[in-house]
Amino acid sequence: MKLDPAIVIKDNQIYTAKNIPVSLRVFTFNDTLAMRKKLNSEDKGMSAFFEHIKNQGYNMLRWLVYWDIVEPVEDSFNEEYLAVLRDNIQKAKTAGLLVYLVPNAYSDSKNFWGINSYPVDKVIDGENAGQYLVGCFIDAMKHLARRIKDCESVIGFALSHFYYEIMKTEVSVKETCVFANNFMKALYKKHTHYYYIVEENEELKKILCEDEGAQKYKIISNALFL
């Protein structure tokens, strides 16, 4: 399903789909299972929460998602969580909030398979365990994107720069760029309208924007947001 972008960015100015200039004020929403349980236990649940955020003057959610929640067992996705994610994004849209997703490795899972399954020096399908796990992480986020493909209010995804958590070793900016390119490539085919947000890492953004292989992707800095 091909969607039109919810926003358009030209010359560092953000416009609505109707070509009206707009400023985006961002609220961070930490979408853990505990947070969902807390909000759903309150009067009117998620809808009331999003309306409250909108009434505080915010118009976009920086929505944190976690690999260990999306894929709690290797090669097995939490479809119930993803279905509720889609429903909640639609509730946020009803409240007048745009969304960009921020993929993270782990929430509070101490027994997550992505941490404990493979020794660092193990070779899997010709890759070391860290590289293999980064591929699994990207595949999980690709699956998540597929489940929210009809959510018109999603403008895109942040580009992660915490791969050291998955690989259990230092990761250079250039290596992070390789992973970022792999991430964007995985999502681009079905989601050409997405923006990819670099958060507080201008060196990463500079290298990506100079990379010929990344020219087709819409890469922006979160410095554009309030």
C-alpha atoms as a PDB file:
ATOM      1  CA  MET A   1       0.000   0.000   0.000  1.00  0.00           C
ATOM      2  CA  LYS A   2       1.505   3.306  -1.097  1.00  0.00           C
ATOM      3  CA  LEU A   3       0.726   6.279   1.129  1.00  0.00           C
ATOM      4  CA  ASP A   4       1.368   9.961   0.552  1.00  0.00           C
ATOM      5  CA  PRO A   5       3.690  11.601   3.100  1.00  0.00           C
ATOM      6  CA  ALA A   6       1.938  13.133   6.123  1.00  0.00           C
ATOM      7  CA  ILE A   7       4.481  15.962   5.958  1.00  0.00           C
ATOM      8  CA  VAL A   8       6.839  17.377   3.348  1.00  0.00           C
ATOM      9  CA  ILE A   9      10.191  18.959   4.211  1.00  0.00           C
ATOM     10  CA  LYS A  10      11.694  21.492   1.830  1.00  0.00           C
ATOM     11  CA  ASP A  11      14.706  23.697   2.595  1.00  0.00           C
ATOM     12  CA  ASN A  12      14.497  22.790   6.305  1.00  0.00           C
ATOM     13  CA  GLN A  13      10.870  23.934   6.485  1.00  0.00           C
ATOM     14  CA  ILE A  14       8.152  21.451   7.392  1.00  0.00           C
ATOM     15  CA  TYR A  15       4.829  21.558   5.541  1.00  0.00           C
ATOM     16  CA  THR A  16       1.607  19.635   5.954  1.00  0.00           C
ATOM     17  CA  ALA A  17       0.306  17.476   3.114  1.00  0.00           C
ATOM     18  CA  LYS A  18      -1.738  20.550   2.124  1.00  0.00           C
ATOM     19  CA  ASN A  19       1.474  22.615   1.794  1.00  0.00           C
ATOM     20  CA  ILE A  20       0.866  24.626   4.967  1.00  0.00           C
ATOM     21  CA  PRO A  21       3.993  25.479   7.020  1.00  0.00           C
ATOM     22  CA  VAL A  22       3.959  23.792  10.417  1.00  0.00           C
ATOM     23  CA  SER A  23       6.208  23.406  13.457  1.00  0.00           C
ATOM     24  CA  LEU A  24       6.364  19.984  15.082  1.00  0.00           C
ATOM     25  CA  ARG A  25       6.498  19.849  18.872  1.00  0.00           C
ATOM     26  CA  VAL A  26       7.493  16.361  19.985  1.00  0.00           C
ATOM     27  CA  PHE A  27       6.463  14.295  23.014  1.00  0.00           C
ATOM     28  CA  THR A  28       8.314  11.042  23.783  1.00  0.00           C
ATOM     29  CA  PHE A  29       6.006   8.074  24.365  1.00  0.00           C
ATOM     30  CA  ASN A  30       7.671   4.998  25.868  1.00  0.00           C
ATOM     31  CA  ASP A  31       5.586   2.094  24.536  1.00  0.00           C
ATOM     32  CA  THR A  32       6.491  -0.641  27.007  1.00  0.00           C
ATOM     33  CA  LEU A  33       4.060  -3.322  28.143  1.00  0.00           C
ATOM     34  CA  ALA A  34       4.041  -1.778  31.630  1.00  0.00           C
ATOM     35  CA  MET A  35       3.141   1.654  30.228  1.00  0.00           C
ATOM     36  CA  ARG A  36       0.305   0.192  28.160  1.00  0.00           C
ATOM     37  CA  LYS A  37      -1.070  -1.587  31.217  1.00  0.00           C
ATOM     38  CA  LYS A  38      -0.918   1.610  33.272  1.00  0.00           C
ATOM     39  CA  LEU A  39      -2.647   3.780  30.675  1.00  0.00           C
ATOM     40  CA  ASN A  40      -5.323   1.210  29.883  1.00  0.00           C
ATOM     41  CA  SER A  41      -6.188   0.999  33.590  1.00  0.00           C
ATOM     42  CA  GLU A  42      -7.062   4.688  33.672  1.00  0.00           C
ATOM     43  CA  ASP A  43     -10.340   6.304  32.629  1.00  0.00           C
ATOM     44  CA  LYS A  44     -10.773   6.274  28.834  1.00  0.00           C
ATOM     45  CA  GLY A  45      -7.333   4.712  28.416  1.00  0.00           C
ATOM     46  CA  MET A  46      -5.075   5.513  25.487  1.00  0.00           C
ATOM     47  CA  SER A  47      -7.456   7.862  23.683  1.00  0.00           C
ATOM     48  CA  ALA A  48      -7.673  10.152  26.697  1.00  0.00           C
ATOM     49  CA  PHE A  49      -3.880  10.062  27.088  1.00  0.00           C
ATOM     50  CA  PHE A  50      -3.308  11.145  23.481  1.00  0.00           C
ATOM     51  CA  GLU A  51      -5.932  13.879  23.749  1.00  0.00           C
ATOM     52  CA  HIS A  52      -4.176  15.163  26.873  1.00  0.00           C
ATOM     53  CA  ILE A  53      -0.844  15.255  25.029  1.00  0.00           C
ATOM     54  CA  LYS A  54      -2.434  17.161  22.153  1.00  0.00           C
ATOM     55  CA  ASN A  55      -4.006  19.631  24.587  1.00  0.00           C
ATOM     56  CA  GLN A  56      -0.548  20.296  26.051  1.00  0.00           C
ATOM     57  CA  GLY A  57       0.495  21.720  22.679  1.00  0.00           C
ATOM     58  CA  TYR A  58       2.284  18.715  21.173  1.00  0.00           C
ATOM     59  CA  ASN A  59       1.515  17.547  17.649  1.00  0.00           C
ATOM     60  CA  MET A  60       3.911  14.622  17.164  1.00  0.00           C
ATOM     61  CA  LEU A  61       4.864  11.555  19.180  1.00  0.00           C
ATOM     62  CA  ARG A  62       8.398  10.216  19.363  1.00  0.00           C
ATOM     63  CA  TRP A  63       7.220   6.638  19.832  1.00  0.00           C
ATOM     64  CA  LEU A  64       9.737   4.247  21.408  1.00  0.00           C
ATOM     65  CA  VAL A  65       9.447   0.596  20.355  1.00  0.00           C
ATOM     66  CA  TYR A  66      11.540  -2.347  21.525  1.00  0.00           C
ATOM     67  CA  TRP A  67      12.924  -5.370  19.723  1.00  0.00           C
ATOM     68  CA  ASP A  68      12.476  -7.645  22.738  1.00  0.00           C
ATOM     69  CA  ILE A  69       8.739  -6.832  22.784  1.00  0.00           C
ATOM     70  CA  VAL A  70       8.288  -7.119  19.022  1.00  0.00           C
ATOM     71  CA  GLU A  71      10.179 -10.434  18.773  1.00  0.00           C
ATOM     72  CA  PRO A  72      10.244 -12.017  22.254  1.00  0.00           C
ATOM     73  CA  VAL A  73      11.175 -15.408  20.781  1.00  0.00           C
ATOM     74  CA  GLU A  74      13.543 -15.798  17.824  1.00  0.00           C
ATOM     75  CA  ASP A  75      11.597 -15.849  14.527  1.00  0.00           C
ATOM     76  CA  SER A  76       8.293 -15.380  16.402  1.00  0.00           C
ATOM     77  CA  PHE A  77       6.679 -11.938  16.465  1.00  0.00           C
ATOM     78  CA  ASN A  78       4.279 -10.604  19.087  1.00  0.00           C
ATOM     79  CA  GLU A  79       1.333 -10.058  16.768  1.00  0.00           C
ATOM     80  CA  GLU A  80      -0.986  -9.059  19.610  1.00  0.00           C
ATOM     81  CA  TYR A  81       1.380  -6.255  20.592  1.00  0.00           C
ATOM     82  CA  LEU A  82       1.705  -5.149  16.957  1.00  0.00           C
ATOM     83  CA  ALA A  83      -2.073  -5.128  16.422  1.00  0.00           C
ATOM     84  CA  VAL A  84      -2.519  -2.930  19.496  1.00  0.00           C
ATOM     85  CA  LEU A  85       0.361  -0.722  18.308  1.00  0.00           C
ATOM     86  CA  ARG A  86      -1.498  -0.108  15.063  1.00  0.00           C
ATOM     87  CA  ASP A  87      -4.753   0.634  16.918  1.00  0.00           C
ATOM     88  CA  ASN A  88      -2.996   3.041  19.280  1.00  0.00           C
ATOM     89  CA  ILE A  89      -1.303   4.892  16.421  1.00  0.00           C
ATOM     90  CA  GLN A  90      -4.741   5.352  14.870  1.00  0.00           C
ATOM     91  CA  LYS A  91      -6.046   6.689  18.210  1.00  0.00           C
ATOM     92  CA  ALA A  92      -3.145   9.134  18.256  1.00  0.00           C
ATOM     93  CA  LYS A  93      -4.070  10.222  14.733  1.00  0.00           C
ATOM     94  CA  THR A  94      -7.653  10.842  15.853  1.00  0.00           C
ATOM     95  CA  ALA A  95      -6.260  13.098  18.580  1.00  0.00           C
ATOM     96  CA  GLY A  96      -4.307  15.017  15.927  1.00  0.00           C
ATOM     97  CA  LEU A  97      -0.851  13.581  16.562  1.00  0.00           C
ATOM     98  CA  LEU A  98       1.744  12.528  13.998  1.00  0.00           C
ATOM     99  CA  VAL A  99       4.177   9.740  14.880  1.00  0.00           C
ATOM    100  CA  TYR A 100       7.728   8.670  14.241  1.00  0.00           C
ATOM    101  CA  LEU A 101       8.984   5.364  15.583  1.00  0.00           C
ATOM    102  CA  VAL A 102      12.243   5.038  17.513  1.00  0.00           C
ATOM    103  CA  PRO A 103      13.524   1.439  17.500  1.00  0.00           C
ATOM    104  CA  ASN A 104      15.395   0.308  20.608  1.00  0.00           C
ATOM    105  CA  ALA A 105      17.006  -3.010  21.436  1.00  0.00           C
ATOM    106  CA  TYR A 106      15.732  -3.894  24.892  1.00  0.00           C
ATOM    107  CA  SER A 107      13.104  -2.614  27.304  1.00  0.00           C
ATOM    108  CA  ASP A 108      13.525  -4.422  30.614  1.00  0.00           C
ATOM    109  CA  SER A 109      13.868  -8.017  29.463  1.00  0.00           C
ATOM    110  CA  LYS A 110      16.774  -9.726  31.236  1.00  0.00           C
ATOM    111  CA  ASN A 111      16.190 -13.058  29.502  1.00  0.00           C
ATOM    112  CA  PHE A 112      15.740 -11.800  25.948  1.00  0.00           C
ATOM    113  CA  TRP A 113      17.082 -14.247  23.364  1.00  0.00           C
ATOM    114  CA  GLY A 114      18.878 -11.441  21.537  1.00  0.00           C
ATOM    115  CA  ILE A 115      21.102 -10.975  24.586  1.00  0.00           C
ATOM    116  CA  ASN A 116      21.722 -14.512  25.752  1.00  0.00           C
ATOM    117  CA  SER A 117      21.436 -16.909  22.815  1.00  0.00           C
ATOM    118  CA  TYR A 118      24.802 -16.644  21.074  1.00  0.00           C
ATOM    119  CA  PRO A 119      28.425 -16.156  22.179  1.00  0.00           C
ATOM    120  CA  VAL A 120      29.967 -13.034  20.665  1.00  0.00           C
ATOM    121  CA  ASP A 121      32.498 -15.050  18.646  1.00  0.00           C
ATOM    122  CA  LYS A 122      29.977 -17.535  17.234  1.00  0.00           C
ATOM    123  CA  VAL A 123      29.636 -17.566  13.422  1.00  0.00           C
ATOM    124  CA  ILE A 124      26.077 -17.808  12.058  1.00  0.00           C
ATOM    125  CA  ASP A 125      25.415 -17.995   8.310  1.00  0.00           C
ATOM    126  CA  GLY A 126      28.892 -16.601   7.625  1.00  0.00           C
ATOM    127  CA  GLU A 127      28.516 -13.647  10.013  1.00  0.00           C
ATOM    128  CA  ASN A 128      29.628 -13.143  13.562  1.00  0.00           C
ATOM    129  CA  ALA A 129      26.855 -13.271  16.139  1.00  0.00           C
ATOM    130  CA  GLY A 130      26.691  -9.487  16.513  1.00  0.00           C
ATOM    131  CA  GLN A 131      26.153  -8.885  12.792  1.00  0.00           C
ATOM    132  CA  TYR A 132      23.608 -11.693  12.655  1.00  0.00           C
ATOM    133  CA  LEU A 133      21.656 -10.158  15.561  1.00  0.00           C
ATOM    134  CA  VAL A 134      21.690  -6.714  13.936  1.00  0.00           C
ATOM    135  CA  GLY A 135      20.105  -8.361  10.881  1.00  0.00           C
ATOM    136  CA  CYS A 136      17.455  -9.949  13.122  1.00  0.00           C
ATOM    137  CA  PHE A 137      16.765  -6.557  14.711  1.00  0.00           C
ATOM    138  CA  ILE A 138      16.311  -4.930  11.298  1.00  0.00           C
ATOM    139  CA  ASP A 139      14.024  -7.760  10.165  1.00  0.00           C
ATOM    140  CA  ALA A 140      11.892  -7.279  13.283  1.00  0.00           C
ATOM    141  CA  MET A 141      11.492  -3.555  12.584  1.00  0.00           C
ATOM    142  CA  LYS A 142      10.664  -4.332   8.956  1.00  0.00           C
ATOM    143  CA  HIS A 143       7.918  -6.661  10.197  1.00  0.00           C
ATOM    144  CA  LEU A 144       6.655  -3.935  12.541  1.00  0.00           C
ATOM    145  CA  ALA A 145       6.524  -1.463   9.647  1.00  0.00           C
ATOM    146  CA  ARG A 146       4.511  -3.976   7.633  1.00  0.00           C
ATOM    147  CA  ARG A 147       1.920  -4.202  10.415  1.00  0.00           C
ATOM    148  CA  ILE A 148       1.407  -0.419  10.490  1.00  0.00           C
ATOM    149  CA  LYS A 149       1.644   0.110   6.728  1.00  0.00           C
ATOM    150  CA  ASP A 150      -1.786   1.781   6.521  1.00  0.00           C
ATOM    151  CA  CYS A 151      -1.115   4.293   9.321  1.00  0.00           C
ATOM    152  CA  GLU A 152      -1.052   7.600   7.459  1.00  0.00           C
ATOM    153  CA  SER A 153       0.147   9.588  10.472  1.00  0.00           C
ATOM    154  CA  VAL A 154       3.501   7.769  10.690  1.00  0.00           C
ATOM    155  CA  ILE A 155       6.151   9.973   9.090  1.00  0.00           C
ATOM    156  CA  GLY A 156       9.007   7.486   9.449  1.00  0.00           C
ATOM    157  CA  PHE A 157      11.597   5.931  11.752  1.00  0.00           C
ATOM    158  CA  ALA A 158      14.580   7.157  13.707  1.00  0.00           C
ATOM    159  CA  LEU A 159      17.911   5.656  12.704  1.00  0.00           C
ATOM    160  CA  SER A 160      19.317   3.743  15.640  1.00  0.00           C
ATOM    161  CA  HIS A 161      22.885   4.335  16.782  1.00  0.00           C
ATOM    162  CA  PHE A 162      23.003   1.918  19.719  1.00  0.00           C
ATOM    163  CA  TYR A 163      24.162  -1.137  17.772  1.00  0.00           C
ATOM    164  CA  TYR A 164      26.909  -1.608  20.352  1.00  0.00           C
ATOM    165  CA  GLU A 165      24.162  -2.904  22.662  1.00  0.00           C
ATOM    166  CA  ILE A 166      23.362  -5.685  20.202  1.00  0.00           C
ATOM    167  CA  MET A 167      26.916  -6.443  19.097  1.00  0.00           C
ATOM    168  CA  LYS A 168      28.395  -6.153  22.611  1.00  0.00           C
ATOM    169  CA  THR A 169      31.357  -4.196  21.271  1.00  0.00           C
ATOM    170  CA  GLU A 170      32.213  -0.696  20.103  1.00  0.00           C
ATOM    171  CA  VAL A 171      30.670   0.254  16.758  1.00  0.00           C
ATOM    172  CA  SER A 172      32.187   3.074  14.711  1.00  0.00           C
ATOM    173  CA  VAL A 173      30.136   5.764  13.002  1.00  0.00           C
ATOM    174  CA  LYS A 174      31.026   4.226   9.622  1.00  0.00           C
ATOM    175  CA  GLU A 175      29.791   0.816  10.778  1.00  0.00           C
ATOM    176  CA  THR A 176      26.629   2.460  12.101  1.00  0.00           C
ATOM    177  CA  CYS A 177      26.137   4.004   8.641  1.00  0.00           C
ATOM    178  CA  VAL A 178      26.307   0.550   7.064  1.00  0.00           C
ATOM    179  CA  PHE A 179      23.635  -0.705   9.459  1.00  0.00           C
ATOM    180  CA  ALA A 180      21.540   2.434   8.872  1.00  0.00           C
ATOM    181  CA  ASN A 181      21.687   1.856   5.115  1.00  0.00           C
ATOM    182  CA  ASN A 182      20.628  -1.759   5.610  1.00  0.00           C
ATOM    183  CA  PHE A 183      17.741  -0.575   7.779  1.00  0.00           C
ATOM    184  CA  MET A 184      16.521   1.998   5.250  1.00  0.00           C
ATOM    185  CA  LYS A 185      16.892  -0.465   2.380  1.00  0.00           C
ATOM    186  CA  ALA A 186      14.783  -3.018   4.246  1.00  0.00           C
ATOM    187  CA  LEU A 187      11.920  -0.557   4.744  1.00  0.00           C
ATOM    188  CA  TYR A 188      12.146   1.485   1.553  1.00  0.00           C
ATOM    189  CA  LYS A 189      10.547  -0.906  -0.925  1.00  0.00           C
ATOM    190  CA  LYS A 190       7.156  -0.849   0.820  1.00  0.00           C
ATOM    191  CA  HIS A 191       7.434   2.532   2.552  1.00  0.00           C
ATOM    192  CA  THR A 192       8.941   5.033   0.122  1.00  0.00           C
ATOM    193  CA  HIS A 193       7.181   7.922   1.891  1.00  0.00           C
ATOM    194  CA  TYR A 194       9.082   7.488   5.168  1.00  0.00           C
ATOM    195  CA  TYR A 195      11.548  10.003   6.527  1.00  0.00           C
ATOM    196  CA  TYR A 196      14.551   8.670   8.459  1.00  0.00           C
ATOM    197  CA  ILE A 197      15.406  10.793  11.478  1.00  0.00           C
ATOM    198  CA  VAL A 198      18.947  11.078  12.804  1.00  0.00           C
ATOM    199  CA  GLU A 199      18.782  11.969  16.473  1.00  0.00           C
ATOM    200  CA  GLU A 200      21.572  14.102  17.945  1.00  0.00           C
ATOM    201  CA  ASN A 201      24.307  12.667  15.752  1.00  0.00           C
ATOM    202  CA  GLU A 202      25.301  15.171  13.093  1.00  0.00           C
ATOM    203  CA  GLU A 203      28.373  13.145  12.109  1.00  0.00           C
ATOM    204  CA  LEU A 204      26.155  10.183  11.234  1.00  0.00           C
ATOM    205  CA  LYS A 205      23.788  12.421   9.266  1.00  0.00           C
ATOM    206  CA  LYS A 206      26.696  14.030   7.374  1.00  0.00           C
ATOM    207  CA  ILE A 207      28.180  10.681   6.323  1.00  0.00           C
ATOM    208  CA  LEU A 208      24.791   9.305   5.284  1.00  0.00           C
ATOM    209  CA  CYS A 209      23.911  12.387   3.259  1.00  0.00           C
ATOM    210  CA  GLU A 210      27.254  12.144   1.425  1.00  0.00           C
ATOM    211  CA  ASP A 211      26.785   8.425   0.718  1.00  0.00           C
ATOM    212  CA  GLU A 212      25.658   7.923  -2.887  1.00  0.00           C
ATOM    213  CA  GLY A 213      23.875   4.719  -1.904  1.00  0.00           C
ATOM    214  CA  ALA A 214      21.679   6.607   0.565  1.00  0.00           C
ATOM    215  CA  GLN A 215      20.651   9.470  -1.742  1.00  0.00           C
ATOM    216  CA  LYS A 216      17.183   8.062  -2.450  1.00  0.00           C
ATOM    217  CA  TYR A 217      16.285   7.987   1.250  1.00  0.00           C
ATOM    218  CA  LYS A 218      14.790  11.033   2.972  1.00  0.00           C
ATOM    219  CA  ILE A 219      17.207  11.618   5.845  1.00  0.00           C
ATOM    220  CA  ILE A 220      16.578  14.481   8.263  1.00  0.00           C
ATOM    221  CA  SER A 221      17.760  15.629  11.676  1.00  0.00           C
ATOM    222  CA  ASN A 222      15.541  15.808  14.739  1.00  0.00           C
ATOM    223  CA  ALA A 223      16.894  19.355  15.133  1.00  0.00           C
ATOM    224  CA  LEU A 224      13.996  20.321  12.844  1.00  0.00           C
ATOM    225  CA  PHE A 225      11.561  19.473  15.638  1.00  0.00           C
ATOM    226  CA  LEU A 226      10.769  21.391  18.810  1.00  0.00           C
END
